[in-house]
N, C-alpha and C. Protein backbone atom coordinates (compact mmCIF):
# COMPACT_ATOMS: atom_id res chain seq x y z
N VAL A 1 -9.69 2.06 7.64
CA VAL A 1 -9.38 1.79 9.05
C VAL A 1 -9.93 1.42 9.78
N PHE A 2 -9.67 0.38 10.68
CA PHE A 2 -10.50 -0.19 11.83
C PHE A 2 -9.98 0.10 13.33
N ILE A 3 -10.89 0.38 14.14
CA ILE A 3 -10.36 0.91 15.68
C ILE A 3 -10.73 0.23 16.40
N CYS A 4 -9.63 -0.52 17.24
CA CYS A 4 -9.48 -1.32 18.48
C CYS A 4 -9.74 -0.35 19.97
N PHE A 5 -10.76 -0.62 20.45
CA PHE A 5 -10.82 0.21 21.68
C PHE A 5 -11.75 -0.23 22.89
N ALA A 6 -11.11 0.49 24.11
CA ALA A 6 -12.22 -0.40 24.81
C ALA A 6 -13.48 0.42 25.18
N ALA A 7 -15.17 -0.14 25.54
CA ALA A 7 -16.25 0.70 25.33
C ALA A 7 -16.12 2.29 26.07
N GLU A 8 -15.10 1.86 27.43
CA GLU A 8 -15.31 3.08 28.11
C GLU A 8 -14.36 4.17 27.52
N ASP A 9 -13.95 4.07 26.31
CA ASP A 9 -13.03 5.28 25.81
C ASP A 9 -13.62 5.35 24.58
N ARG A 10 -14.65 5.23 24.39
CA ARG A 10 -15.53 5.49 22.86
C ARG A 10 -15.86 7.13 23.15
N TYR A 11 -16.33 7.89 24.11
CA TYR A 11 -16.66 9.34 23.74
C TYR A 11 -15.63 9.94 23.63
N GLU A 12 -14.58 9.89 24.76
CA GLU A 12 -14.13 10.77 24.71
C GLU A 12 -12.57 10.56 23.96
N ILE A 13 -12.30 9.99 23.35
CA ILE A 13 -11.60 9.96 22.24
C ILE A 13 -11.74 9.05 20.88
N VAL A 14 -12.68 7.94 20.86
CA VAL A 14 -12.82 7.21 19.42
C VAL A 14 -13.88 8.28 18.70
N GLU A 15 -14.75 8.82 19.31
CA GLU A 15 -15.56 9.59 18.13
C GLU A 15 -14.87 11.19 17.44
N PRO A 16 -13.91 11.54 18.11
CA PRO A 16 -13.73 12.64 17.73
C PRO A 16 -12.67 11.89 16.88
N ILE A 17 -11.85 10.81 16.89
CA ILE A 17 -10.75 10.48 15.87
C ILE A 17 -11.73 10.02 14.90
N VAL A 18 -12.90 9.18 14.52
CA VAL A 18 -13.63 9.35 13.74
C VAL A 18 -14.08 10.62 13.13
N TYR A 19 -14.53 11.01 13.94
CA TYR A 19 -15.06 12.37 13.22
C TYR A 19 -14.07 13.15 12.12
N HIS A 20 -12.68 13.33 12.64
CA HIS A 20 -11.61 13.87 11.90
C HIS A 20 -11.55 12.88 10.88
N LEU A 21 -11.14 11.30 11.26
CA LEU A 21 -10.89 10.40 10.07
C LEU A 21 -11.77 11.07 8.87
N LYS A 22 -13.39 10.97 9.27
CA LYS A 22 -14.39 11.19 7.64
C LYS A 22 -14.44 11.96 7.39
N ASN A 23 -13.63 13.30 7.94
CA ASN A 23 -13.70 14.28 7.39
C ASN A 23 -12.46 14.52 6.23
N TYR A 24 -11.42 13.82 6.36
CA TYR A 24 -10.51 13.73 5.76
C TYR A 24 -10.74 13.01 4.47
N GLY A 25 -12.21 12.01 4.26
CA GLY A 25 -12.30 11.43 3.89
C GLY A 25 -12.11 9.73 3.35
N ILE A 26 -11.27 9.72 5.07
CA ILE A 26 -11.08 8.37 5.16
C ILE A 26 -12.31 7.35 5.60
N PRO A 27 -12.53 6.23 4.95
CA PRO A 27 -13.26 5.38 5.21
C PRO A 27 -12.65 4.60 6.39
N VAL A 28 -13.70 4.56 7.79
CA VAL A 28 -13.81 4.41 8.92
C VAL A 28 -14.12 2.52 9.27
N TRP A 29 -14.02 2.05 9.93
CA TRP A 29 -14.40 0.42 10.12
C TRP A 29 -14.53 0.74 11.74
N TYR A 30 -15.83 0.95 12.03
CA TYR A 30 -16.26 1.46 13.39
C TYR A 30 -17.84 0.91 13.91
N ASP A 31 -17.60 0.54 14.84
CA ASP A 31 -18.81 -0.45 15.31
C ASP A 31 -20.61 0.12 14.90
N ARG A 32 -19.96 1.26 15.71
CA ARG A 32 -21.42 1.97 15.37
C ARG A 32 -21.92 2.06 14.13
N TYR A 33 -20.84 2.64 12.90
CA TYR A 33 -21.50 2.15 11.49
C TYR A 33 -22.06 1.38 10.96
N THR A 34 -21.24 0.12 11.43
CA THR A 34 -21.17 -1.34 11.10
C THR A 34 -21.79 -2.45 11.42
N LEU A 35 -22.17 -2.60 12.77
CA LEU A 35 -22.94 -3.54 13.42
C LEU A 35 -24.11 -2.96 13.94
N LEU A 36 -24.89 -4.49 13.52
CA LEU A 36 -26.37 -4.08 13.94
C LEU A 36 -26.33 -4.93 15.07
N MET A 37 -27.64 -4.84 15.59
CA MET A 37 -27.62 -5.54 16.65
C MET A 37 -28.59 -7.11 15.92
N GLY A 38 -28.30 -8.12 16.84
CA GLY A 38 -28.18 -9.74 15.74
C GLY A 38 -27.78 -9.75 15.18
N ASP A 39 -26.12 -9.26 14.72
CA ASP A 39 -25.17 -9.95 13.76
C ASP A 39 -24.43 -10.52 14.79
N ASN A 40 -23.28 -11.62 14.06
CA ASN A 40 -22.18 -12.05 14.94
C ASN A 40 -21.51 -11.77 14.84
N ARG A 41 -20.74 -11.06 16.05
CA ARG A 41 -20.05 -10.78 16.59
C ARG A 41 -18.78 -10.70 16.11
N VAL A 42 -18.31 -12.23 15.72
CA VAL A 42 -16.91 -12.99 15.80
C VAL A 42 -16.51 -12.50 14.07
N GLN A 43 -18.08 -12.80 12.99
CA GLN A 43 -17.78 -12.58 12.02
C GLN A 43 -17.75 -11.25 11.53
N LYS A 44 -18.24 -10.25 12.26
CA LYS A 44 -18.63 -9.06 11.70
C LYS A 44 -17.14 -8.05 11.83
N ASN A 45 -16.81 -7.90 13.39
CA ASN A 45 -16.30 -7.46 14.69
C ASN A 45 -14.76 -8.20 14.28
N LEU A 46 -14.65 -9.30 14.21
CA LEU A 46 -13.16 -9.81 14.13
C LEU A 46 -12.57 -10.16 12.64
N TYR A 47 -13.68 -10.71 11.62
CA TYR A 47 -13.42 -10.85 10.93
C TYR A 47 -13.20 -9.72 9.78
N ASP A 48 -14.24 -9.14 9.79
CA ASP A 48 -14.87 -8.72 8.58
C ASP A 48 -14.15 -7.33 9.23
N GLY A 49 -13.70 -7.06 10.29
CA GLY A 49 -13.28 -5.56 10.72
C GLY A 49 -11.61 -6.00 11.00
N ALA A 50 -11.13 -6.50 12.42
CA ALA A 50 -10.13 -6.89 12.68
C ALA A 50 -8.86 -7.47 11.36
N GLN A 51 -9.67 -8.59 11.15
CA GLN A 51 -8.97 -9.28 10.17
C GLN A 51 -8.35 -8.99 8.97
N THR A 52 -9.85 -7.96 8.51
CA THR A 52 -9.19 -7.90 6.59
C THR A 52 -8.75 -6.85 6.68
N CYS A 53 -8.54 -5.84 8.03
CA CYS A 53 -7.64 -4.59 7.43
C CYS A 53 -6.88 -4.12 7.14
N LYS A 54 -6.49 -3.38 6.48
CA LYS A 54 -5.12 -2.84 5.72
C LYS A 54 -4.54 -2.18 6.97
N TYR A 55 -5.20 -0.78 8.05
CA TYR A 55 -5.11 0.18 8.82
C TYR A 55 -5.63 -0.24 10.03
N ALA A 56 -4.66 -0.02 11.00
CA ALA A 56 -5.76 -0.50 12.36
C ALA A 56 -5.43 0.69 13.35
N ILE A 57 -5.88 1.38 13.85
CA ILE A 57 -5.89 2.37 15.53
C ILE A 57 -6.61 1.68 16.45
N ILE A 58 -5.22 1.30 17.47
CA ILE A 58 -5.24 0.81 18.39
C ILE A 58 -5.40 1.79 19.48
N ILE A 59 -6.47 1.83 20.22
CA ILE A 59 -6.62 2.98 21.15
C ILE A 59 -5.87 2.32 22.94
N VAL A 60 -5.24 2.40 23.31
CA VAL A 60 -4.33 2.35 24.92
C VAL A 60 -4.79 3.16 25.80
N SER A 61 -5.19 2.86 26.95
CA SER A 61 -5.82 3.19 27.86
C SER A 61 -5.61 2.04 28.93
N LYS A 62 -6.13 2.90 30.04
CA LYS A 62 -6.34 1.23 31.89
C LYS A 62 -7.19 1.27 31.47
N ASN A 63 -8.31 1.43 30.26
CA ASN A 63 -9.22 0.08 30.12
C ASN A 63 -9.11 -0.76 29.45
N THR A 64 -8.29 -0.46 28.42
CA THR A 64 -8.00 -1.61 27.61
C THR A 64 -7.39 -3.26 28.05
N GLN A 65 -7.01 -3.47 28.76
CA GLN A 65 -6.57 -4.87 29.02
C GLN A 65 -7.77 -5.52 30.33
N LEU A 66 -9.04 -4.61 30.38
CA LEU A 66 -9.83 -5.00 30.81
C LEU A 66 -11.19 -5.58 30.14
N SER A 67 -11.02 -4.97 28.34
CA SER A 67 -11.99 -5.38 27.15
C SER A 67 -11.45 -6.42 26.47
N LYS A 68 -12.46 -7.32 27.11
CA LYS A 68 -12.05 -8.77 26.15
C LYS A 68 -12.69 -8.80 24.85
N CYS A 69 -13.33 -7.80 24.41
CA CYS A 69 -13.46 -7.50 22.59
C CYS A 69 -11.95 -7.02 22.21
N ALA A 70 -11.72 -5.96 23.16
CA ALA A 70 -10.74 -5.18 23.12
C ALA A 70 -9.19 -5.82 22.84
N MET A 71 -8.80 -6.92 23.21
CA MET A 71 -7.86 -7.57 23.35
C MET A 71 -7.65 -8.54 22.57
N GLU A 72 -9.18 -9.03 22.01
CA GLU A 72 -9.32 -10.17 21.13
C GLU A 72 -8.55 -9.23 19.48
N GLU A 73 -9.40 -8.28 19.02
CA GLU A 73 -9.11 -7.28 18.19
C GLU A 73 -7.77 -7.01 18.20
N ILE A 74 -7.23 -6.71 19.33
CA ILE A 74 -5.50 -6.33 19.38
C ILE A 74 -4.69 -7.73 18.99
N SER A 75 -4.80 -8.72 19.53
CA SER A 75 -4.38 -9.93 19.58
C SER A 75 -4.74 -10.25 17.68
N ILE A 76 -5.51 -9.91 16.93
CA ILE A 76 -5.36 -10.27 15.65
C ILE A 76 -4.64 -9.16 14.67
N VAL A 77 -5.00 -7.99 15.35
CA VAL A 77 -4.31 -7.14 14.31
C VAL A 77 -2.73 -7.33 14.87
N ARG A 78 -2.24 -7.84 15.90
CA ARG A 78 -0.80 -7.77 16.26
C ARG A 78 -0.06 -9.31 15.43
N GLU A 79 -0.89 -9.96 15.12
CA GLU A 79 -0.73 -10.93 14.26
C GLU A 79 -0.52 -10.88 12.84
N ASN A 80 -1.23 -9.99 12.64
CA ASN A 80 -1.36 -9.38 10.90
C ASN A 80 -0.02 -8.53 10.56
N ASN A 81 -0.12 -7.80 12.04
CA ASN A 81 1.51 -6.76 12.00
C ASN A 81 2.77 -7.27 11.90
N LYS A 82 2.85 -8.45 12.79
CA LYS A 82 4.14 -9.26 11.91
C LYS A 82 3.94 -10.09 11.01
N GLU A 83 3.23 -10.22 10.10
CA GLU A 83 2.70 -10.50 8.53
C GLU A 83 2.96 -9.39 7.60
N HIS A 84 3.08 -8.15 7.88
CA HIS A 84 3.11 -7.27 7.35
C HIS A 84 2.02 -6.98 6.65
N LYS A 85 0.45 -7.30 6.98
CA LYS A 85 -0.47 -7.54 6.53
C LYS A 85 -1.67 -6.07 6.96
N VAL A 86 -0.63 -5.48 7.83
CA VAL A 86 -1.90 -4.12 8.26
C VAL A 86 -0.90 -3.00 9.14
N THR A 87 -0.46 -1.71 8.91
CA THR A 87 0.04 -0.88 9.62
C THR A 87 -1.03 -0.21 11.04
N VAL A 88 -0.13 -0.44 11.85
CA VAL A 88 -1.04 0.02 13.15
C VAL A 88 -0.57 1.54 13.78
N PHE A 89 -1.35 1.81 14.08
CA PHE A 89 -1.34 3.19 14.73
C PHE A 89 -2.02 3.28 16.05
N PRO A 90 -1.02 3.15 16.71
CA PRO A 90 -0.95 2.69 18.39
C PRO A 90 -1.01 4.55 19.23
N ILE A 91 -2.36 4.80 19.59
CA ILE A 91 -2.38 5.92 20.24
C ILE A 91 -2.50 5.51 22.29
N LEU A 92 -1.58 6.37 22.95
CA LEU A 92 -1.46 6.09 24.33
C LEU A 92 -2.27 6.86 24.77
N TYR A 93 -3.41 6.57 25.04
CA TYR A 93 -4.72 7.68 25.62
C TYR A 93 -4.37 8.11 27.53
N ASP A 94 -4.10 8.62 27.88
CA ASP A 94 -4.09 8.99 29.40
C ASP A 94 -3.35 7.81 29.97
N ILE A 95 -2.25 7.29 29.63
CA ILE A 95 -1.34 6.31 30.15
C ILE A 95 0.29 6.44 29.54
N SER A 96 1.01 6.36 30.22
CA SER A 96 2.12 5.79 29.60
C SER A 96 2.72 4.82 29.18
N PRO A 97 4.06 4.51 28.38
CA PRO A 97 4.21 3.76 27.27
C PRO A 97 4.77 2.42 28.88
N ASP A 98 5.42 3.29 29.48
CA ASP A 98 5.98 2.45 30.59
C ASP A 98 5.00 1.57 31.36
N ASN A 99 3.91 1.95 31.79
CA ASN A 99 2.48 0.79 31.57
C ASN A 99 2.12 -0.16 30.69
N LEU A 100 2.57 -0.01 29.79
CA LEU A 100 2.54 -1.20 28.72
C LEU A 100 3.14 -2.59 29.36
N THR A 101 2.43 -3.60 29.25
CA THR A 101 3.10 -4.79 30.21
C THR A 101 1.92 -5.73 28.87
N GLY A 102 2.20 -7.33 29.43
CA GLY A 102 1.80 -8.49 28.40
C GLY A 102 1.93 -8.40 27.22
N GLU A 103 0.42 -8.49 26.95
CA GLU A 103 0.18 -8.56 25.50
C GLU A 103 0.24 -7.38 24.70
N LEU A 104 0.35 -5.98 25.45
CA LEU A 104 0.68 -4.94 24.82
C LEU A 104 1.74 -4.25 24.72
N ILE A 105 3.10 -5.15 25.53
CA ILE A 105 4.24 -4.44 25.03
C ILE A 105 4.97 -4.41 23.83
N TRP A 106 4.17 -5.31 22.83
CA TRP A 106 4.57 -4.92 21.58
C TRP A 106 4.56 -3.08 20.94
N ILE A 107 3.67 -2.75 21.42
CA ILE A 107 3.24 -1.41 20.97
C ILE A 107 4.20 -0.63 21.12
N LYS A 108 5.00 -0.71 22.23
CA LYS A 108 6.10 0.01 22.25
C LYS A 108 7.22 0.22 21.31
N LYS A 109 7.69 -0.79 20.69
CA LYS A 109 8.23 -1.23 19.29
C LYS A 109 7.58 -0.21 18.08
N LEU A 110 6.51 -0.16 18.15
CA LEU A 110 6.07 1.15 17.32
C LEU A 110 6.21 2.78 17.27
N ILE A 111 5.84 3.25 16.31
CA ILE A 111 5.67 4.67 16.63
C ILE A 111 4.36 4.98 16.94
N PHE A 112 4.43 5.31 18.52
CA PHE A 112 2.70 5.74 19.11
C PHE A 112 2.92 7.62 19.08
N LYS A 113 1.89 7.56 19.40
CA LYS A 113 1.63 9.07 19.85
C LYS A 113 0.62 9.34 21.00
N GLU A 114 0.58 10.02 21.96
CA GLU A 114 0.27 9.65 23.13
C GLU A 114 -0.54 11.05 23.27
N CYS A 115 -1.76 10.76 24.11
CA CYS A 115 -2.81 12.03 23.89
C CYS A 115 -3.83 11.91 25.06
N ASN A 116 -4.32 12.77 25.60
CA ASN A 116 -5.23 13.21 27.00
C ASN A 116 -6.23 13.88 26.77
N LYS A 117 -6.30 14.09 27.63
CA LYS A 117 -8.31 15.05 27.54
C LYS A 117 -7.98 16.40 26.79
N ASN A 118 -7.16 16.96 27.43
CA ASN A 118 -6.65 18.03 26.75
C ASN A 118 -6.32 18.23 25.73
N SER A 119 -5.09 17.38 25.09
CA SER A 119 -4.96 17.08 23.89
C SER A 119 -5.21 17.59 22.56
N GLY A 120 -6.35 16.63 23.12
CA GLY A 120 -7.19 16.45 21.37
C GLY A 120 -6.45 15.70 20.74
N THR A 121 -7.30 15.18 19.29
CA THR A 121 -6.79 14.12 18.45
C THR A 121 -6.28 14.97 16.92
N TYR A 122 -6.71 16.45 16.71
CA TYR A 122 -6.52 16.07 15.65
C TYR A 122 -5.31 15.78 14.98
N GLU A 123 -3.84 16.46 15.81
CA GLU A 123 -2.37 16.22 15.21
C GLU A 123 -2.51 14.76 15.17
N ILE A 124 -3.11 13.60 15.76
CA ILE A 124 -3.01 12.23 15.68
C ILE A 124 -3.47 11.89 14.57
N CYS A 125 -4.73 12.69 14.16
CA CYS A 125 -5.42 12.55 12.70
C CYS A 125 -4.77 12.79 11.23
N ASN A 126 -3.78 13.79 11.76
CA ASN A 126 -3.10 14.21 10.63
C ASN A 126 -2.08 13.40 10.30
N HIS A 127 -1.13 12.98 11.03
CA HIS A 127 -0.65 11.58 11.23
C HIS A 127 -0.96 10.72 10.61
N ILE A 128 -1.86 9.88 10.76
CA ILE A 128 -2.51 8.76 10.10
C ILE A 128 -3.14 8.94 8.83
N ALA A 129 -3.66 10.06 8.53
CA ALA A 129 -4.36 10.99 7.33
C ALA A 129 -2.42 10.73 6.04
N CYS A 130 -1.61 11.21 6.94
CA CYS A 130 -0.09 11.83 5.78
C CYS A 130 0.40 10.09 5.55
N LYS A 131 0.41 9.10 6.67
CA LYS A 131 0.62 7.60 6.33
C LYS A 131 -0.31 7.03 5.44
N ILE A 132 -1.51 7.44 5.80
CA ILE A 132 -2.42 6.83 4.45
C ILE A 132 -2.28 7.48 3.07
N THR A 133 -1.86 8.15 2.87
CA THR A 133 -2.17 8.87 1.52
C THR A 133 -0.66 8.97 0.91
N ASP A 134 0.42 9.14 2.07
CA ASP A 134 1.83 8.71 1.72
C ASP A 134 1.38 7.14 0.37
N ASP A 135 1.16 6.31 1.37
CA ASP A 135 0.68 5.07 1.15
C ASP A 135 -0.18 4.86 -0.68
N ILE A 136 -0.69 5.71 -0.49
CA ILE A 136 -1.68 6.12 -2.04
C ILE A 136 -0.89 6.14 -3.05
N LEU A 137 -0.38 7.44 -2.49
CA LEU A 137 0.60 7.60 -4.11
C LEU A 137 1.76 7.12 -3.96
N SER A 138 2.12 6.14 -3.31
CA SER A 138 3.34 4.71 -3.20
C SER A 138 2.85 3.80 -4.03
N ASN A 139 1.59 3.72 -4.06
CA ASN A 139 1.27 2.51 -5.04
C ASN A 139 0.95 3.55 -6.07
N VAL A 140 0.31 4.32 -6.68
CA VAL A 140 0.16 4.45 -7.97
C VAL A 140 1.39 4.89 -8.61
N GLN A 141 2.37 5.65 -8.15
CA GLN A 141 3.24 5.80 -8.76
C GLN A 141 4.29 4.67 -9.11
N SER A 142 4.01 3.37 -8.02
CA SER A 142 4.46 1.87 -8.42
C SER A 142 3.83 1.86 -10.00
N ILE A 143 2.33 1.99 -9.64
CA ILE A 143 1.30 1.37 -10.94
C ILE A 143 2.01 2.07 -12.35
N LEU A 144 2.15 3.25 -12.24
CA LEU A 144 2.82 4.57 -13.53
C LEU A 144 4.18 3.91 -13.65
N THR A 145 4.93 3.53 -13.06
CA THR A 145 6.14 2.99 -13.41
C THR A 145 5.88 1.20 -14.01
N THR A 146 5.10 0.41 -13.34
CA THR A 146 5.57 -0.48 -14.24
C THR A 146 4.39 -0.37 -15.57
N GLY A 147 3.54 0.49 -15.50
CA GLY A 147 2.54 0.53 -16.72
C GLY A 147 4.01 1.28 -17.72
N MET A 148 4.54 2.42 -17.19
CA MET A 148 5.63 2.77 -18.61
C MET A 148 6.79 1.68 -18.67
N ASN A 149 6.83 1.06 -17.64
CA ASN A 149 8.00 -0.17 -18.43
C ASN A 149 7.16 -0.97 -19.42
N SER A 150 6.37 -1.26 -19.00
CA SER A 150 5.32 -2.24 -20.12
C SER A 150 5.23 -1.67 -21.24
N PHE A 151 4.52 -0.11 -21.65
CA PHE A 151 5.08 0.63 -22.63
C PHE A 151 6.06 0.41 -23.21
N GLU A 152 7.27 0.63 -22.80
CA GLU A 152 7.99 0.71 -23.27
C GLU A 152 8.45 -0.38 -23.59
N SER A 153 8.40 -1.94 -22.83
CA SER A 153 8.63 -2.90 -23.57
C SER A 153 7.66 -3.29 -24.63
N ALA A 154 6.81 -2.98 -24.67
CA ALA A 154 5.36 -3.21 -26.25
C ALA A 154 6.16 -2.27 -27.45
N GLN A 155 6.78 -1.05 -26.79
CA GLN A 155 6.76 -0.35 -27.98
C GLN A 155 8.32 -0.97 -28.62
N SER A 156 8.94 -1.09 -28.01
CA SER A 156 10.36 -1.95 -28.51
C SER A 156 10.28 -3.26 -29.09
N THR A 157 9.10 -4.33 -28.70
CA THR A 157 9.02 -5.32 -29.46
C THR A 157 8.14 -4.86 -30.68
N MET A 158 7.24 -3.54 -30.74
CA MET A 158 6.50 -3.11 -31.97
C MET A 158 7.60 -2.77 -32.59
N MET A 159 8.86 -2.07 -32.24
CA MET A 159 9.92 -1.49 -33.04
C MET A 159 10.39 -2.64 -34.20
N THR A 160 10.98 -3.84 -33.24
CA THR A 160 11.71 -5.08 -33.78
C THR A 160 10.89 -5.45 -35.04
N SER A 161 9.56 -5.55 -34.32
CA SER A 161 8.90 -6.69 -35.37
C SER A 161 8.79 -5.40 -36.55
N LEU A 162 8.30 -4.10 -36.27
CA LEU A 162 8.44 -3.45 -37.95
C LEU A 162 9.21 -3.42 -38.68
N ASN A 163 10.42 -3.05 -38.01
CA ASN A 163 12.19 -2.96 -38.36
C ASN A 163 12.17 -4.58 -39.25
N SER A 164 11.63 -5.85 -38.89
CA SER A 164 11.92 -6.67 -39.04
C SER A 164 11.40 -7.32 -40.67
N SER A 165 9.80 -6.94 -40.29
CA SER A 165 9.06 -6.79 -41.25
C SER A 165 9.53 -6.05 -43.11
N LEU A 166 9.54 -4.40 -42.36
CA LEU A 166 10.72 -3.86 -43.68
C LEU A 166 11.55 -4.38 -44.03
N ASN A 167 12.80 -5.00 -43.40
CA ASN A 167 13.56 -5.62 -44.13
C ASN A 167 13.33 -6.92 -44.96
N VAL A 168 12.35 -7.64 -44.62
CA VAL A 168 11.63 -8.68 -45.51
C VAL A 168 11.10 -7.98 -46.52
N VAL A 169 10.03 -6.66 -46.53
CA VAL A 169 9.67 -6.38 -47.60
C VAL A 169 10.88 -5.85 -48.62
N VAL A 170 12.05 -5.27 -48.01
CA VAL A 170 13.36 -4.69 -48.90
C VAL A 170 13.77 -6.29 -50.01
N GLU A 171 13.75 -7.09 -48.88
CA GLU A 171 14.58 -8.19 -49.31
C GLU A 171 13.88 -8.41 -50.48
N SER A 172 12.39 -8.92 -50.18
CA SER A 172 11.45 -9.15 -51.63
C SER A 172 11.61 -8.51 -52.56
N ARG A 173 11.99 -7.13 -52.55
CA ARG A 173 12.00 -6.05 -53.52
C ARG A 173 13.37 -6.44 -54.56
N LYS A 174 14.26 -6.68 -53.47
CA LYS A 174 15.58 -7.19 -54.22
C LYS A 174 15.38 -7.96 -55.02
N GLU A 175 15.00 -9.39 -54.59
CA GLU A 175 14.86 -10.38 -55.20
C GLU A 175 13.79 -10.39 -56.78
N LEU A 176 12.53 -9.85 -56.75
CA LEU A 176 11.77 -8.85 -57.97
C LEU A 176 12.25 -8.33 -58.58
N SER A 177 13.16 -7.01 -58.31
CA SER A 177 13.68 -6.51 -59.61
C SER A 177 15.10 -7.01 -60.08
N GLY A 178 15.59 -8.09 -59.26
CA GLY A 178 16.71 -8.40 -59.78
C GLY A 178 18.32 -7.51 -59.32
N GLN A 179 18.26 -6.69 -58.75
CA GLN A 179 19.07 -5.68 -58.12
C GLN A 179 19.54 -5.76 -56.92
N GLU A 180 20.07 -6.83 -56.64
CA GLU A 180 20.88 -7.44 -55.61
C GLU A 180 22.39 -6.73 -55.82
N ASP A 181 22.88 -7.12 -56.49
CA ASP A 181 24.15 -6.36 -56.67
C ASP A 181 24.48 -5.48 -56.71
N GLU A 182 23.16 -4.71 -57.58
CA GLU A 182 23.22 -3.22 -57.55
C GLU A 182 23.16 -2.32 -56.30
N ASP A 183 23.12 -2.87 -55.33
CA ASP A 183 22.36 -1.76 -54.30
C ASP A 183 23.60 -1.20 -53.50
N THR A 184 24.71 -1.63 -53.77
CA THR A 184 26.46 -1.18 -53.05
C THR A 184 26.49 -0.62 -53.62
N GLU A 185 26.11 0.11 -55.14
CA GLU A 185 26.72 1.22 -55.61
C GLU A 185 25.80 2.60 -55.24
N SER A 186 24.88 2.51 -54.66
CA SER A 186 23.51 3.26 -54.59
C SER A 186 23.96 3.96 -53.22
N ASP A 187 23.58 5.29 -52.84
CA ASP A 187 23.86 5.76 -51.84
C ASP A 187 22.81 5.61 -50.95
N ASP A 188 21.56 5.45 -51.88
CA ASP A 188 20.20 5.44 -50.84
C ASP A 188 20.03 3.84 -50.44
N SER A 189 21.01 2.96 -50.22
CA SER A 189 20.65 1.64 -49.85
C SER A 189 19.64 1.28 -49.02
N ASP A 190 18.53 0.37 -49.33
CA ASP A 190 17.60 0.06 -48.20
C ASP A 190 18.14 -1.02 -47.41
N ASP A 191 18.80 -1.72 -47.41
CA ASP A 191 19.57 -2.55 -46.16
C ASP A 191 19.37 -1.92 -45.17
N ASP A 192 19.59 -0.74 -44.58
CA ASP A 192 19.94 -0.27 -43.37
C ASP A 192 18.61 0.63 -42.74
N LEU A 193 17.43 -0.01 -43.93
CA LEU A 193 16.08 0.61 -43.84
C LEU A 193 15.48 -0.03 -42.31
N THR A 194 15.37 1.44 -41.32
CA THR A 194 14.51 1.08 -40.03
C THR A 194 14.02 2.61 -39.80
N VAL A 195 12.61 2.34 -38.82
CA VAL A 195 11.43 3.36 -38.70
C VAL A 195 11.76 3.62 -37.06
N ASP A 196 11.92 4.74 -36.65
CA ASP A 196 11.93 5.23 -35.45
C ASP A 196 11.02 6.38 -35.22
N LEU A 197 9.86 5.52 -34.22
CA LEU A 197 8.70 6.52 -34.24
C LEU A 197 8.77 7.73 -33.26
N LEU A 198 10.05 7.77 -33.09
CA LEU A 198 10.14 8.66 -31.31
C LEU A 198 10.71 9.98 -31.95
């Protein structure tokens, strides 16, 4: 989970969110954990962080539009969101949705959460954890379904091949024993010999 924010909001809202998400075991791309002095900011922050993330938290406050770095990150996340490459969790911090203008107005189209200094971030982190968990479970279900379909297809192919092989053996036995015409009198005819493994 990548977090876009203005530096002025770090201690009041960002740190508590990072704390809660880490307690859930959710990996967080957070500049304080990832960037080191001397790193290439564009490569590490914009590409390795904002460009490649599957989930992004955008914290919008009165400071956001004044932060060049935050606006660069938000621009990248927005483009990826348009292409369905990232799920965005917008958080409006001490700001009304009516105050979203310009490059941030698109956020109003998403489901967002509002918070302030008194509301805390725990409930917001619960929502984020639920969405990520739901996505993981959906992926697991898809993998299991695909695996089961592949298994059933392989089983069907194997049964068809086995039945075909058995019919060849039966026909060979008939030819060797010279009893092709006598089989119709017997109730134990091998003509319809099939195997059902289930």
